[in-house]
Amino acid sequence: MTLGSTPLAAGCLLVASPTLLDPNFMHAVVLLCAMDENGAMGVILNDDSGFSSGDLLGGHAAFEDSDFPVGQGGPVGRDQVHFLHTLPEHIPGGREVPGGLYLGGDIERLGEWMERNADRGHEQRSLALFVGYSGWSAGQLEAEMVEGSWLAVPGSVTLPFECRGRSREGVWRRVLGAQGQQGRYLSFAPPDPNWN
């Protein structure tokens, strides 16, 4: 598969072009969670919010003492918490994202599952929490793709759980670098081609 041949659809990853300098999205890797005629929604996988689950969900008894790290999902709805998981049998009600992931679900069941598995490390491999999200109105993402702001690459069921504690730019380089020679080249390209 050549870079840029992945269809723009829910489940793919959007990788920021080296020339995308918007501070919200520079070096971002976004999982596109939903897309239809009204627009698109995703979460940035490689940005830390500095918050823990207890900070944001402390009003729920199951999260009062929880210190699970929370990513910054994007600049929209920063008062909302979203979560990705691979646990539909334990956390029902989530929206399936193509590729084996689920977005959201029953928050009480999430808390119960986290309490049961807090010391086992399962949550590190099966759950990712985010504050805020990335959103595009109808036609906006398609226009940004034409401008060259984003590259669509195949999604990954494990990447959302592998980004915690890693640098934003490091994850971005890794994802781009996995896309073959052109991706490796782009992962080290300067933001302005005239700098070469």
N, C-alpha and C. Protein backbone atom coordinates (compact mmCIF):
# COMPACT_ATOMS: atom_id res chain seq x y z
N MET A 1 0.85 -1.18 0.00
CA MET A 1 0.00 0.00 0.00
C MET A 1 0.89 1.24 0.00
N THR A 2 0.63 2.17 -0.88
CA THR A 2 1.42 3.39 -0.94
C THR A 2 0.82 4.44 -0.02
N LEU A 3 1.68 5.33 0.45
CA LEU A 3 1.24 6.40 1.33
C LEU A 3 0.18 7.23 0.62
N GLY A 4 -0.92 7.46 1.30
CA GLY A 4 -2.00 8.25 0.72
C GLY A 4 -3.07 7.42 0.04
N SER A 5 -2.92 6.10 0.01
CA SER A 5 -3.93 5.27 -0.67
C SER A 5 -4.99 4.72 0.29
N THR A 6 -4.85 5.00 1.58
CA THR A 6 -5.84 4.55 2.56
C THR A 6 -7.10 5.41 2.43
N PRO A 7 -8.27 4.80 2.29
CA PRO A 7 -9.50 5.58 2.19
C PRO A 7 -9.77 6.37 3.46
N LEU A 8 -10.31 7.56 3.30
CA LEU A 8 -10.69 8.39 4.43
C LEU A 8 -12.01 7.85 4.98
N ALA A 9 -11.95 7.17 6.12
CA ALA A 9 -13.12 6.53 6.70
C ALA A 9 -12.87 6.28 8.18
N ALA A 10 -13.95 6.10 8.94
CA ALA A 10 -13.81 5.77 10.35
C ALA A 10 -12.91 4.55 10.49
N GLY A 11 -12.01 4.62 11.46
CA GLY A 11 -11.07 3.54 11.71
C GLY A 11 -9.67 3.83 11.19
N CYS A 12 -9.54 4.77 10.27
CA CYS A 12 -8.20 5.09 9.77
C CYS A 12 -7.52 6.07 10.73
N LEU A 13 -6.22 6.21 10.56
CA LEU A 13 -5.46 7.21 11.31
C LEU A 13 -5.22 8.41 10.41
N LEU A 14 -5.36 9.58 10.97
CA LEU A 14 -4.99 10.82 10.28
C LEU A 14 -3.66 11.26 10.88
N VAL A 15 -2.65 11.35 10.04
CA VAL A 15 -1.32 11.76 10.49
C VAL A 15 -1.08 13.17 9.97
N ALA A 16 -0.75 14.08 10.87
CA ALA A 16 -0.51 15.47 10.46
C ALA A 16 0.66 15.53 9.49
N SER A 17 0.48 16.30 8.44
CA SER A 17 1.56 16.56 7.49
C SER A 17 2.65 17.34 8.21
N PRO A 18 3.90 17.19 7.80
CA PRO A 18 4.97 17.99 8.42
C PRO A 18 4.73 19.49 8.31
N THR A 19 3.92 19.91 7.34
CA THR A 19 3.66 21.34 7.15
C THR A 19 2.46 21.85 7.94
N LEU A 20 1.76 20.98 8.67
CA LEU A 20 0.62 21.40 9.49
C LEU A 20 1.16 22.01 10.79
N LEU A 21 1.07 23.33 10.91
CA LEU A 21 1.68 24.03 12.04
C LEU A 21 0.69 24.48 13.11
N ASP A 22 -0.60 24.20 12.93
CA ASP A 22 -1.59 24.51 13.95
C ASP A 22 -1.15 23.82 15.25
N PRO A 23 -0.93 24.58 16.34
CA PRO A 23 -0.42 23.96 17.56
C PRO A 23 -1.31 22.85 18.12
N ASN A 24 -2.60 22.87 17.80
CA ASN A 24 -3.48 21.79 18.25
C ASN A 24 -3.18 20.48 17.54
N PHE A 25 -2.64 20.55 16.32
CA PHE A 25 -2.51 19.35 15.51
C PHE A 25 -1.10 19.08 15.00
N MET A 26 -0.13 19.94 15.29
CA MET A 26 1.24 19.70 14.83
C MET A 26 1.73 18.36 15.39
N HIS A 27 2.19 17.49 14.52
CA HIS A 27 2.68 16.15 14.86
C HIS A 27 1.59 15.26 15.49
N ALA A 28 0.34 15.55 15.20
CA ALA A 28 -0.75 14.75 15.78
C ALA A 28 -0.99 13.48 14.98
N VAL A 29 -1.40 12.45 15.69
CA VAL A 29 -1.92 11.21 15.10
C VAL A 29 -3.33 11.07 15.65
N VAL A 30 -4.32 11.15 14.77
CA VAL A 30 -5.73 11.15 15.16
C VAL A 30 -6.39 9.86 14.70
N LEU A 31 -7.08 9.18 15.59
CA LEU A 31 -7.93 8.06 15.19
C LEU A 31 -9.26 8.64 14.77
N LEU A 32 -9.64 8.43 13.52
CA LEU A 32 -10.93 8.90 13.02
C LEU A 32 -11.99 7.91 13.50
N CYS A 33 -12.84 8.36 14.43
CA CYS A 33 -13.82 7.47 15.07
C CYS A 33 -15.15 7.42 14.36
N ALA A 34 -15.54 8.50 13.72
CA ALA A 34 -16.83 8.56 13.03
C ALA A 34 -16.75 9.56 11.89
N MET A 35 -17.45 9.24 10.80
CA MET A 35 -17.49 10.14 9.66
C MET A 35 -18.77 9.88 8.89
N ASP A 36 -19.49 10.96 8.59
CA ASP A 36 -20.70 10.85 7.77
C ASP A 36 -20.90 12.17 7.04
N GLU A 37 -22.07 12.36 6.45
CA GLU A 37 -22.33 13.56 5.65
C GLU A 37 -22.35 14.83 6.50
N ASN A 38 -22.44 14.71 7.81
CA ASN A 38 -22.46 15.88 8.69
C ASN A 38 -21.09 16.31 9.18
N GLY A 39 -20.08 15.46 8.98
CA GLY A 39 -18.74 15.79 9.42
C GLY A 39 -17.99 14.58 9.94
N ALA A 40 -16.96 14.85 10.73
CA ALA A 40 -16.10 13.77 11.24
C ALA A 40 -15.70 14.07 12.68
N MET A 41 -15.37 13.01 13.41
CA MET A 41 -14.96 13.11 14.80
C MET A 41 -13.85 12.11 15.05
N GLY A 42 -12.83 12.54 15.80
CA GLY A 42 -11.75 11.65 16.17
C GLY A 42 -11.09 12.11 17.45
N VAL A 43 -10.07 11.37 17.88
CA VAL A 43 -9.30 11.75 19.06
C VAL A 43 -7.82 11.68 18.73
N ILE A 44 -7.09 12.69 19.22
CA ILE A 44 -5.64 12.69 19.08
C ILE A 44 -5.11 11.61 20.02
N LEU A 45 -4.32 10.70 19.50
CA LEU A 45 -3.82 9.59 20.30
C LEU A 45 -2.53 9.94 21.04
N ASN A 46 -1.78 10.91 20.54
CA ASN A 46 -0.43 11.15 21.06
C ASN A 46 -0.26 12.50 21.74
N ASP A 47 -1.25 12.90 22.54
CA ASP A 47 -1.15 14.16 23.27
C ASP A 47 -1.63 13.94 24.70
N ASP A 48 -0.82 14.32 25.67
CA ASP A 48 -1.14 14.14 27.08
C ASP A 48 -1.87 15.38 27.59
N SER A 49 -2.91 15.18 28.37
CA SER A 49 -3.67 16.32 28.90
C SER A 49 -3.10 16.83 30.22
N GLY A 50 -2.32 16.00 30.90
CA GLY A 50 -1.85 16.37 32.23
C GLY A 50 -2.85 16.02 33.33
N PHE A 51 -4.01 15.49 32.95
CA PHE A 51 -5.04 15.11 33.91
C PHE A 51 -5.03 13.60 34.12
N SER A 52 -5.61 13.18 35.25
CA SER A 52 -5.86 11.76 35.49
C SER A 52 -7.37 11.55 35.52
N SER A 53 -7.77 10.28 35.49
CA SER A 53 -9.19 9.96 35.52
C SER A 53 -9.85 10.49 36.79
N GLY A 54 -9.15 10.47 37.90
CA GLY A 54 -9.70 11.00 39.15
C GLY A 54 -9.95 12.50 39.08
N ASP A 55 -9.07 13.22 38.38
CA ASP A 55 -9.26 14.67 38.22
C ASP A 55 -10.55 14.98 37.49
N LEU A 56 -10.85 14.22 36.46
CA LEU A 56 -11.97 14.54 35.58
C LEU A 56 -13.26 13.80 35.91
N LEU A 57 -13.15 12.64 36.53
CA LEU A 57 -14.34 11.82 36.80
C LEU A 57 -14.52 11.56 38.28
N GLY A 58 -13.89 12.36 39.12
CA GLY A 58 -13.95 12.16 40.57
C GLY A 58 -15.35 12.19 41.15
N GLY A 59 -16.30 12.76 40.42
CA GLY A 59 -17.69 12.78 40.87
C GLY A 59 -18.33 11.41 40.84
N HIS A 60 -17.74 10.48 40.11
CA HIS A 60 -18.21 9.09 40.08
C HIS A 60 -17.41 8.32 41.12
N ALA A 61 -18.07 7.63 42.01
CA ALA A 61 -17.40 6.94 43.12
C ALA A 61 -16.27 6.04 42.65
N ALA A 62 -16.44 5.36 41.53
CA ALA A 62 -15.43 4.42 41.06
C ALA A 62 -14.14 5.11 40.64
N PHE A 63 -14.19 6.42 40.40
CA PHE A 63 -13.01 7.12 39.90
C PHE A 63 -12.37 8.05 40.92
N GLU A 64 -12.92 8.13 42.13
CA GLU A 64 -12.44 9.10 43.12
C GLU A 64 -10.94 9.00 43.35
N ASP A 65 -10.41 7.81 43.48
CA ASP A 65 -8.98 7.64 43.75
C ASP A 65 -8.22 7.14 42.53
N SER A 66 -8.82 7.24 41.38
CA SER A 66 -8.22 6.72 40.16
C SER A 66 -7.18 7.70 39.61
N ASP A 67 -6.05 7.17 39.18
CA ASP A 67 -5.01 8.03 38.60
C ASP A 67 -4.63 7.59 37.19
N PHE A 68 -5.57 7.04 36.46
CA PHE A 68 -5.33 6.60 35.09
C PHE A 68 -5.08 7.83 34.22
N PRO A 69 -4.01 7.83 33.41
CA PRO A 69 -3.69 9.01 32.59
C PRO A 69 -4.76 9.28 31.52
N VAL A 70 -4.96 10.56 31.24
CA VAL A 70 -5.96 10.99 30.26
C VAL A 70 -5.27 11.77 29.15
N GLY A 71 -5.52 11.37 27.91
CA GLY A 71 -4.95 12.08 26.77
C GLY A 71 -5.79 13.30 26.40
N GLN A 72 -5.18 14.20 25.63
CA GLN A 72 -5.89 15.37 25.10
C GLN A 72 -6.41 14.97 23.73
N GLY A 73 -7.71 14.71 23.62
CA GLY A 73 -8.30 14.21 22.38
C GLY A 73 -8.45 15.24 21.28
N GLY A 74 -8.39 16.51 21.64
CA GLY A 74 -8.51 17.57 20.65
C GLY A 74 -9.03 18.84 21.26
N PRO A 75 -9.16 19.88 20.43
CA PRO A 75 -9.53 21.20 20.94
C PRO A 75 -11.04 21.43 21.12
N VAL A 76 -11.87 20.47 20.77
CA VAL A 76 -13.33 20.64 20.85
C VAL A 76 -13.85 19.91 22.09
N GLY A 77 -14.82 20.49 22.76
CA GLY A 77 -15.47 19.81 23.88
C GLY A 77 -14.51 19.44 24.99
N ARG A 78 -13.70 20.37 25.42
CA ARG A 78 -12.70 20.06 26.45
C ARG A 78 -13.31 19.83 27.82
N ASP A 79 -14.61 19.88 27.90
CA ASP A 79 -15.30 19.55 29.15
C ASP A 79 -15.92 18.15 29.07
N GLN A 80 -15.57 17.41 28.02
CA GLN A 80 -16.13 16.07 27.81
C GLN A 80 -15.02 15.02 27.88
N VAL A 81 -15.33 13.88 28.48
CA VAL A 81 -14.39 12.76 28.53
C VAL A 81 -14.88 11.68 27.58
N HIS A 82 -13.97 11.18 26.77
CA HIS A 82 -14.25 10.09 25.83
C HIS A 82 -13.30 8.95 26.15
N PHE A 83 -13.68 7.73 25.79
CA PHE A 83 -12.76 6.63 26.00
C PHE A 83 -12.87 5.61 24.87
N LEU A 84 -11.71 5.05 24.55
CA LEU A 84 -11.60 3.96 23.58
C LEU A 84 -11.29 2.69 24.34
N HIS A 85 -11.82 1.58 23.87
CA HIS A 85 -11.55 0.32 24.55
C HIS A 85 -11.77 -0.85 23.60
N THR A 86 -11.34 -2.01 24.05
CA THR A 86 -11.56 -3.27 23.33
C THR A 86 -12.37 -4.22 24.20
N LEU A 87 -13.28 -3.68 24.98
CA LEU A 87 -13.99 -4.44 26.02
C LEU A 87 -15.50 -4.36 25.91
N PRO A 88 -16.09 -4.59 24.75
CA PRO A 88 -17.54 -4.43 24.63
C PRO A 88 -18.32 -5.39 25.53
N GLU A 89 -17.74 -6.53 25.88
CA GLU A 89 -18.44 -7.47 26.75
C GLU A 89 -18.47 -6.99 28.20
N HIS A 90 -17.54 -6.10 28.59
CA HIS A 90 -17.49 -5.57 29.95
C HIS A 90 -18.05 -4.15 30.05
N ILE A 91 -17.93 -3.40 28.94
CA ILE A 91 -18.39 -2.00 28.91
C ILE A 91 -19.34 -1.86 27.73
N PRO A 92 -20.62 -2.20 27.93
CA PRO A 92 -21.58 -2.14 26.82
C PRO A 92 -21.94 -0.70 26.46
N GLY A 93 -22.56 -0.56 25.30
CA GLY A 93 -23.09 0.73 24.88
C GLY A 93 -22.14 1.57 24.07
N GLY A 94 -20.95 1.06 23.78
CA GLY A 94 -20.00 1.83 22.98
C GLY A 94 -20.32 1.77 21.50
N ARG A 95 -19.83 2.75 20.77
CA ARG A 95 -19.97 2.78 19.31
C ARG A 95 -18.75 2.09 18.71
N GLU A 96 -19.01 1.10 17.87
CA GLU A 96 -17.89 0.38 17.25
C GLU A 96 -17.18 1.27 16.24
N VAL A 97 -15.85 1.30 16.38
CA VAL A 97 -14.99 1.97 15.41
C VAL A 97 -14.38 0.85 14.58
N PRO A 98 -14.51 0.89 13.26
CA PRO A 98 -13.98 -0.21 12.46
C PRO A 98 -12.54 -0.55 12.84
N GLY A 99 -12.28 -1.84 12.98
CA GLY A 99 -10.95 -2.30 13.33
C GLY A 99 -10.86 -2.91 14.72
N GLY A 100 -11.99 -3.02 15.44
CA GLY A 100 -11.97 -3.71 16.73
C GLY A 100 -11.95 -2.81 17.95
N LEU A 101 -12.14 -1.52 17.78
CA LEU A 101 -12.19 -0.59 18.90
C LEU A 101 -13.62 -0.13 19.15
N TYR A 102 -13.85 0.36 20.36
CA TYR A 102 -15.16 0.90 20.73
C TYR A 102 -14.95 2.26 21.37
N LEU A 103 -15.82 3.20 21.02
CA LEU A 103 -15.77 4.55 21.57
C LEU A 103 -16.92 4.70 22.55
N GLY A 104 -16.57 5.00 23.81
CA GLY A 104 -17.58 5.24 24.82
C GLY A 104 -18.26 3.99 25.31
N GLY A 105 -19.35 4.19 26.02
CA GLY A 105 -20.09 3.09 26.61
C GLY A 105 -20.60 3.51 27.98
N ASP A 106 -21.07 2.55 28.72
CA ASP A 106 -21.65 2.77 30.04
C ASP A 106 -20.55 3.19 31.02
N ILE A 107 -20.61 4.44 31.50
CA ILE A 107 -19.56 4.97 32.38
C ILE A 107 -19.50 4.23 33.72
N GLU A 108 -20.65 3.79 34.23
CA GLU A 108 -20.65 3.04 35.49
C GLU A 108 -19.94 1.70 35.32
N ARG A 109 -20.21 1.04 34.21
CA ARG A 109 -19.54 -0.25 33.93
C ARG A 109 -18.04 -0.05 33.71
N LEU A 110 -17.68 1.08 33.10
CA LEU A 110 -16.25 1.41 32.95
C LEU A 110 -15.60 1.51 34.32
N GLY A 111 -16.23 2.24 35.23
CA GLY A 111 -15.69 2.39 36.57
C GLY A 111 -15.57 1.06 37.30
N GLU A 112 -16.59 0.21 37.17
CA GLU A 112 -16.54 -1.12 37.80
C GLU A 112 -15.39 -1.93 37.23
N TRP A 113 -15.23 -1.89 35.91
CA TRP A 113 -14.15 -2.66 35.28
C TRP A 113 -12.79 -2.16 35.73
N MET A 114 -12.65 -0.82 35.82
CA MET A 114 -11.36 -0.26 36.25
C MET A 114 -11.05 -0.66 37.69
N GLU A 115 -12.06 -0.66 38.55
CA GLU A 115 -11.84 -1.07 39.95
C GLU A 115 -11.38 -2.52 40.03
N ARG A 116 -12.01 -3.40 39.26
CA ARG A 116 -11.66 -4.83 39.28
C ARG A 116 -10.27 -5.08 38.72
N ASN A 117 -9.81 -4.26 37.80
CA ASN A 117 -8.57 -4.53 37.09
C ASN A 117 -7.45 -3.54 37.40
N ALA A 118 -7.63 -2.73 38.43
CA ALA A 118 -6.68 -1.66 38.72
C ALA A 118 -5.25 -2.15 38.92
N ASP A 119 -5.07 -3.29 39.53
CA ASP A 119 -3.72 -3.76 39.83
C ASP A 119 -3.19 -4.77 38.83
N ARG A 120 -3.92 -5.04 37.78
CA ARG A 120 -3.53 -6.09 36.84
C ARG A 120 -2.86 -5.57 35.59
N GLY A 121 -2.97 -4.29 35.32
CA GLY A 121 -2.37 -3.73 34.12
C GLY A 121 -3.20 -3.92 32.86
N HIS A 122 -4.37 -4.57 32.98
CA HIS A 122 -5.22 -4.79 31.80
C HIS A 122 -5.63 -3.47 31.16
N GLU A 123 -5.90 -2.46 32.03
CA GLU A 123 -6.39 -1.20 31.48
C GLU A 123 -5.36 -0.54 30.58
N GLN A 124 -4.10 -0.80 30.83
CA GLN A 124 -3.06 -0.20 29.99
C GLN A 124 -3.10 -0.75 28.56
N ARG A 125 -3.61 -1.96 28.38
CA ARG A 125 -3.66 -2.60 27.06
C ARG A 125 -5.04 -2.57 26.42
N SER A 126 -6.05 -2.08 27.15
CA SER A 126 -7.43 -2.20 26.68
C SER A 126 -8.23 -0.92 26.75
N LEU A 127 -7.67 0.15 27.31
CA LEU A 127 -8.45 1.34 27.59
C LEU A 127 -7.61 2.60 27.42
N ALA A 128 -8.19 3.61 26.81
CA ALA A 128 -7.55 4.92 26.70
C ALA A 128 -8.62 5.98 26.93
N LEU A 129 -8.33 6.93 27.82
CA LEU A 129 -9.25 8.02 28.15
C LEU A 129 -8.75 9.32 27.53
N PHE A 130 -9.69 10.17 27.13
CA PHE A 130 -9.35 11.44 26.49
C PHE A 130 -10.29 12.53 26.99
N VAL A 131 -9.77 13.73 27.11
CA VAL A 131 -10.61 14.90 27.36
C VAL A 131 -10.62 15.69 26.06
N GLY A 132 -11.81 16.05 25.61
CA GLY A 132 -11.95 16.75 24.34
C GLY A 132 -11.87 15.80 23.16
N TYR A 133 -12.12 16.36 21.97
CA TYR A 133 -12.04 15.57 20.75
C TYR A 133 -11.69 16.48 19.59
N SER A 134 -11.44 15.89 18.46
CA SER A 134 -11.15 16.61 17.22
C SER A 134 -12.38 16.48 16.33
N GLY A 135 -12.89 17.60 15.87
CA GLY A 135 -14.11 17.56 15.06
C GLY A 135 -13.99 18.40 13.80
N TRP A 136 -14.67 17.96 12.77
CA TRP A 136 -14.70 18.66 11.49
C TRP A 136 -16.14 18.74 11.01
N SER A 137 -16.54 19.88 10.50
CA SER A 137 -17.88 20.03 9.93
C SER A 137 -17.93 19.36 8.56
N ALA A 138 -19.11 19.29 7.99
CA ALA A 138 -19.29 18.64 6.68
C ALA A 138 -18.33 19.23 5.65
N GLY A 139 -17.54 18.37 5.04
CA GLY A 139 -16.62 18.77 3.98
C GLY A 139 -15.30 19.36 4.45
N GLN A 140 -15.19 19.72 5.73
CA GLN A 140 -13.98 20.37 6.23
C GLN A 140 -12.77 19.44 6.19
N LEU A 141 -12.91 18.21 6.67
CA LEU A 141 -11.78 17.29 6.67
C LEU A 141 -11.36 16.97 5.25
N GLU A 142 -12.32 16.75 4.37
CA GLU A 142 -11.99 16.46 2.97
C GLU A 142 -11.19 17.63 2.36
N ALA A 143 -11.58 18.86 2.69
CA ALA A 143 -10.85 20.03 2.18
C ALA A 143 -9.43 20.07 2.75
N GLU A 144 -9.27 19.73 4.02
CA GLU A 144 -7.95 19.71 4.63
C GLU A 144 -7.08 18.61 4.02
N MET A 145 -7.69 17.50 3.63
CA MET A 145 -6.95 16.44 2.95
C MET A 145 -6.44 16.94 1.60
N VAL A 146 -7.29 17.64 0.84
CA VAL A 146 -6.89 18.19 -0.46
C VAL A 146 -5.76 19.19 -0.29
N GLU A 147 -5.80 20.00 0.78
CA GLU A 147 -4.75 20.97 1.07
C GLU A 147 -3.43 20.29 1.44
N GLY A 148 -3.48 19.01 1.79
CA GLY A 148 -2.28 18.30 2.20
C GLY A 148 -1.97 18.40 3.68
N SER A 149 -2.96 18.78 4.49
CA SER A 149 -2.75 18.90 5.93
C SER A 149 -2.63 17.55 6.64
N TRP A 150 -3.28 16.52 6.08
CA TRP A 150 -3.36 15.21 6.71
C TRP A 150 -3.01 14.11 5.72
N LEU A 151 -2.49 13.02 6.26
CA LEU A 151 -2.29 11.79 5.50
C LEU A 151 -3.13 10.72 6.18
N ALA A 152 -3.94 10.00 5.43
CA ALA A 152 -4.72 8.90 5.98
C ALA A 152 -3.90 7.62 5.85
N VAL A 153 -3.75 6.90 6.96
CA VAL A 153 -3.01 5.64 6.97
C VAL A 153 -3.87 4.59 7.67
N PRO A 154 -3.56 3.31 7.48
CA PRO A 154 -4.37 2.26 8.12
C PRO A 154 -4.41 2.41 9.64
N GLY A 155 -5.56 2.11 10.21
CA GLY A 155 -5.73 2.18 11.65
C GLY A 155 -5.01 1.05 12.37
N SER A 156 -4.98 1.15 13.69
CA SER A 156 -4.31 0.16 14.53
C SER A 156 -5.13 -0.02 15.80
N VAL A 157 -5.45 -1.25 16.13
CA VAL A 157 -6.23 -1.52 17.33
C VAL A 157 -5.37 -1.35 18.59
N THR A 158 -4.05 -1.41 18.47
CA THR A 158 -3.19 -1.31 19.65
C THR A 158 -2.62 0.09 19.88
N LEU A 159 -2.50 0.90 18.83
CA LEU A 159 -1.85 2.20 18.98
C LEU A 159 -2.48 3.09 20.05
N PRO A 160 -3.81 3.14 20.19
CA PRO A 160 -4.36 4.02 21.24
C PRO A 160 -3.84 3.69 22.64
N PHE A 161 -3.41 2.47 22.86
CA PHE A 161 -2.96 2.05 24.19
C PHE A 161 -1.44 2.08 24.31
N GLU A 162 -0.75 2.37 23.23
CA GLU A 162 0.72 2.38 23.23
C GLU A 162 1.29 3.79 23.30
N CYS A 163 0.46 4.81 23.23
CA CYS A 163 0.95 6.20 23.14
C CYS A 163 1.24 6.84 24.49
N ARG A 164 0.65 6.33 25.57
CA ARG A 164 0.84 6.94 26.89
C ARG A 164 2.32 6.97 27.25
N GLY A 165 2.75 8.14 27.72
CA GLY A 165 4.12 8.27 28.18
C GLY A 165 5.14 8.44 27.07
N ARG A 166 4.71 8.50 25.85
CA ARG A 166 5.63 8.68 24.72
C ARG A 166 5.48 10.09 24.18
N SER A 167 6.55 10.58 23.59
CA SER A 167 6.51 11.95 23.08
C SER A 167 5.59 12.04 21.86
N ARG A 168 4.94 13.17 21.75
CA ARG A 168 4.03 13.40 20.62
C ARG A 168 4.77 13.22 19.30
N GLU A 169 5.92 13.87 19.18
CA GLU A 169 6.68 13.78 17.93
C GLU A 169 7.21 12.37 17.70
N GLY A 170 7.60 11.67 18.77
CA GLY A 170 8.10 10.31 18.62
C GLY A 170 7.06 9.36 18.06
N VAL A 171 5.83 9.45 18.57
CA VAL A 171 4.74 8.60 18.06
C VAL A 171 4.45 8.97 16.61
N TRP A 172 4.40 10.26 16.31
CA TRP A 172 4.16 10.74 14.95
C TRP A 172 5.21 10.18 13.99
N ARG A 173 6.49 10.28 14.37
CA ARG A 173 7.57 9.74 13.51
C ARG A 173 7.42 8.23 13.33
N ARG A 174 7.08 7.53 14.40
CA ARG A 174 6.94 6.08 14.33
C ARG A 174 5.82 5.68 13.37
N VAL A 175 4.67 6.34 13.48
CA VAL A 175 3.54 6.01 12.60
C VAL A 175 3.87 6.35 11.16
N LEU A 176 4.42 7.53 10.92
CA LEU A 176 4.79 7.89 9.55
C LEU A 176 5.88 6.96 9.01
N GLY A 177 6.88 6.68 9.84
CA GLY A 177 7.99 5.83 9.42
C GLY A 177 7.57 4.42 9.05
N ALA A 178 6.45 3.96 9.61
CA ALA A 178 5.94 2.62 9.29
C ALA A 178 5.24 2.57 7.94
N GLN A 179 5.15 3.70 7.26
CA GLN A 179 4.42 3.76 5.99
C GLN A 179 5.33 3.65 4.78
N GLY A 180 6.50 3.08 4.96
CA GLY A 180 7.41 2.88 3.83
C GLY A 180 8.38 4.03 3.65
N GLN A 181 9.10 4.00 2.55
CA GLN A 181 10.17 4.96 2.32
C GLN A 181 9.66 6.40 2.31
N GLN A 182 8.55 6.65 1.64
CA GLN A 182 8.01 8.01 1.59
C GLN A 182 7.62 8.49 3.00
N GLY A 183 7.04 7.62 3.79
CA GLY A 183 6.67 7.98 5.16
C GLY A 183 7.90 8.28 6.00
N ARG A 184 8.95 7.46 5.86
CA ARG A 184 10.18 7.72 6.60
C ARG A 184 10.77 9.07 6.22
N TYR A 185 10.75 9.38 4.93
CA TYR A 185 11.26 10.68 4.48
C TYR A 185 10.45 11.81 5.11
N LEU A 186 9.12 11.72 5.05
CA LEU A 186 8.27 12.77 5.60
C LEU A 186 8.44 12.94 7.11
N SER A 187 8.75 11.85 7.80
CA SER A 187 8.88 11.93 9.25
C SER A 187 10.06 12.79 9.69
N PHE A 188 10.98 13.07 8.76
CA PHE A 188 12.12 13.93 9.08
C PHE A 188 12.13 15.21 8.24
N ALA A 189 11.06 15.46 7.50
CA ALA A 189 10.98 16.67 6.67
C ALA A 189 10.73 17.89 7.56
N PRO A 190 11.34 19.03 7.22
CA PRO A 190 11.08 20.25 8.00
C PRO A 190 9.68 20.79 7.69
N PRO A 191 9.12 21.61 8.58
CA PRO A 191 7.79 22.17 8.34
C PRO A 191 7.73 23.03 7.07
N ASP A 192 8.83 23.67 6.73
CA ASP A 192 8.89 24.49 5.52
C ASP A 192 9.92 23.87 4.58
N PRO A 193 9.50 23.36 3.41
CA PRO A 193 10.44 22.72 2.49
C PRO A 193 11.59 23.63 2.07
N ASN A 194 11.42 24.93 2.18
CA ASN A 194 12.50 25.86 1.82
C ASN A 194 13.65 25.82 2.81
N TRP A 195 13.45 25.18 3.96
CA TRP A 195 14.52 25.08 4.94
C TRP A 195 15.58 24.07 4.53
N ASN A 196 15.29 23.25 3.55
CA ASN A 196 16.27 22.25 3.07
C ASN A 196 17.39 22.91 2.33
